[in-house]
Amino acid sequence: MPIQSKYSSQKIETILDQVMEVLHDNDVSVDLSLMTLGNCITHVINSQVPVAQRQVITDKFVKALSASINTKDK
């Protein structure tokens, strides 16, 4: 059974498009994009997640990220 998000797909896509546009407009390389997004994730977790929950949230995020990566050529 798919996981239902409390956020609309349209809202998620709009934000994603905006973030990707900033990276594209600044001609950001893959490694700099990943470093920047990683720092953003770290900032969100450290500033908005209670200390006692940070490891659990981080582990869940890593698991979800790993599951979403396409490992096969199209």
C-alpha atoms as a PDB file:
ATOM      1  CA  MET A   1       0.000   0.000   0.000  1.00  0.00           C
ATOM      2  CA  PRO A   2       1.535   3.356  -1.020  1.00  0.00           C
ATOM      3  CA  ILE A   3       2.324   5.894   1.647  1.00  0.00           C
ATOM      4  CA  GLN A   4      -0.082   8.842   1.562  1.00  0.00           C
ATOM      5  CA  SER A   5       1.463  12.267   2.061  1.00  0.00           C
ATOM      6  CA  LYS A   6      -0.265  15.033   3.961  1.00  0.00           C
ATOM      7  CA  TYR A   7       1.105  17.373   1.273  1.00  0.00           C
ATOM      8  CA  SER A   8      -0.324  17.604  -2.221  1.00  0.00           C
ATOM      9  CA  SER A   9       1.749  16.396  -5.141  1.00  0.00           C
ATOM     10  CA  GLN A  10       1.303  19.832  -6.712  1.00  0.00           C
ATOM     11  CA  LYS A  11       2.793  21.585  -3.659  1.00  0.00           C
ATOM     12  CA  ILE A  12       5.758  19.207  -3.605  1.00  0.00           C
ATOM     13  CA  GLU A  13       6.360  19.578  -7.354  1.00  0.00           C
ATOM     14  CA  THR A  14       6.152  23.383  -7.159  1.00  0.00           C
ATOM     15  CA  ILE A  15       8.775  23.546  -4.416  1.00  0.00           C
ATOM     16  CA  LEU A  16      10.985  21.003  -6.181  1.00  0.00           C
ATOM     17  CA  ASP A  17      10.774  22.994  -9.418  1.00  0.00           C
ATOM     18  CA  GLN A  18      11.814  26.157  -7.557  1.00  0.00           C
ATOM     19  CA  VAL A  19      14.799  24.474  -5.908  1.00  0.00           C
ATOM     20  CA  MET A  20      15.901  22.891  -9.188  1.00  0.00           C
ATOM     21  CA  GLU A  21      15.565  26.238 -10.954  1.00  0.00           C
ATOM     22  CA  VAL A  22      17.936  27.868  -8.426  1.00  0.00           C
ATOM     23  CA  LEU A  23      20.488  25.097  -8.948  1.00  0.00           C
ATOM     24  CA  HIS A  24      20.148  25.333 -12.736  1.00  0.00           C
ATOM     25  CA  ASP A  25      20.298  29.156 -12.791  1.00  0.00           C
ATOM     26  CA  ASN A  26      23.557  28.990 -10.831  1.00  0.00           C
ATOM     27  CA  ASP A  27      25.006  26.265 -13.082  1.00  0.00           C
ATOM     28  CA  VAL A  28      25.632  24.070 -10.049  1.00  0.00           C
ATOM     29  CA  SER A  29      27.503  20.779 -10.548  1.00  0.00           C
ATOM     30  CA  VAL A  30      26.217  17.451  -9.249  1.00  0.00           C
ATOM     31  CA  ASP A  31      28.657  17.373  -6.326  1.00  0.00           C
ATOM     32  CA  LEU A  32      27.885  20.968  -5.282  1.00  0.00           C
ATOM     33  CA  SER A  33      24.145  20.299  -5.627  1.00  0.00           C
ATOM     34  CA  LEU A  34      24.416  17.264  -3.349  1.00  0.00           C
ATOM     35  CA  MET A  35      26.569  19.151  -0.830  1.00  0.00           C
ATOM     36  CA  THR A  36      24.134  22.077  -0.780  1.00  0.00           C
ATOM     37  CA  LEU A  37      21.045  19.902  -0.453  1.00  0.00           C
ATOM     38  CA  GLY A  38      22.760  17.801   2.219  1.00  0.00           C
ATOM     39  CA  ASN A  39      23.600  20.924   4.197  1.00  0.00           C
ATOM     40  CA  CYS A  40      19.989  22.054   3.840  1.00  0.00           C
ATOM     41  CA  ILE A  41      18.728  18.720   5.181  1.00  0.00           C
ATOM     42  CA  THR A  42      21.183  18.910   8.083  1.00  0.00           C
ATOM     43  CA  HIS A  43      20.022  22.433   8.874  1.00  0.00           C
ATOM     44  CA  VAL A  44      16.343  21.404   8.837  1.00  0.00           C
ATOM     45  CA  ILE A  45      16.956  18.424  11.105  1.00  0.00           C
ATOM     46  CA  ASN A  46      19.207  20.305  13.544  1.00  0.00           C
ATOM     47  CA  SER A  47      16.946  23.359  13.765  1.00  0.00           C
ATOM     48  CA  GLN A  48      13.472  21.828  13.625  1.00  0.00           C
ATOM     49  CA  VAL A  49      13.644  18.290  14.993  1.00  0.00           C
ATOM     50  CA  PRO A  50      13.971  17.684  18.738  1.00  0.00           C
ATOM     51  CA  VAL A  51      17.362  16.243  19.683  1.00  0.00           C
ATOM     52  CA  ALA A  52      15.821  12.996  20.935  1.00  0.00           C
ATOM     53  CA  GLN A  53      14.225  12.343  17.525  1.00  0.00           C
ATOM     54  CA  ARG A  54      17.039  13.401  15.188  1.00  0.00           C
ATOM     55  CA  GLN A  55      18.664   9.989  14.753  1.00  0.00           C
ATOM     56  CA  VAL A  56      15.350   8.256  14.084  1.00  0.00           C
ATOM     57  CA  ILE A  57      14.308  10.923  11.556  1.00  0.00           C
ATOM     58  CA  THR A  58      17.727  10.765   9.890  1.00  0.00           C
ATOM     59  CA  ASP A  59      17.592   6.973   9.624  1.00  0.00           C
ATOM     60  CA  LYS A  60      14.083   7.133   8.116  1.00  0.00           C
ATOM     61  CA  PHE A  61      15.208   9.810   5.657  1.00  0.00           C
ATOM     62  CA  VAL A  62      18.233   7.772   4.558  1.00  0.00           C
ATOM     63  CA  LYS A  63      16.046   4.692   4.112  1.00  0.00           C
ATOM     64  CA  ALA A  64      13.490   6.631   2.052  1.00  0.00           C
ATOM     65  CA  LEU A  65      16.232   8.227  -0.059  1.00  0.00           C
ATOM     66  CA  SER A  66      17.853   4.868  -0.722  1.00  0.00           C
ATOM     67  CA  ALA A  67      14.502   3.355  -1.699  1.00  0.00           C
ATOM     68  CA  SER A  68      13.755   6.187  -4.123  1.00  0.00           C
ATOM     69  CA  ILE A  69      17.014   5.993  -6.087  1.00  0.00           C
ATOM     70  CA  ASN A  70      16.651   4.421  -9.518  1.00  0.00           C
ATOM     71  CA  THR A  71      19.516   1.936  -9.865  1.00  0.00           C
ATOM     72  CA  LYS A  72      18.602   0.699 -13.360  1.00  0.00           C
ATOM     73  CA  ASP A  73      19.155   2.375 -16.720  1.00  0.00           C
ATOM     74  CA  LYS A  74      15.997   3.435 -18.450  1.00  0.00           C
END
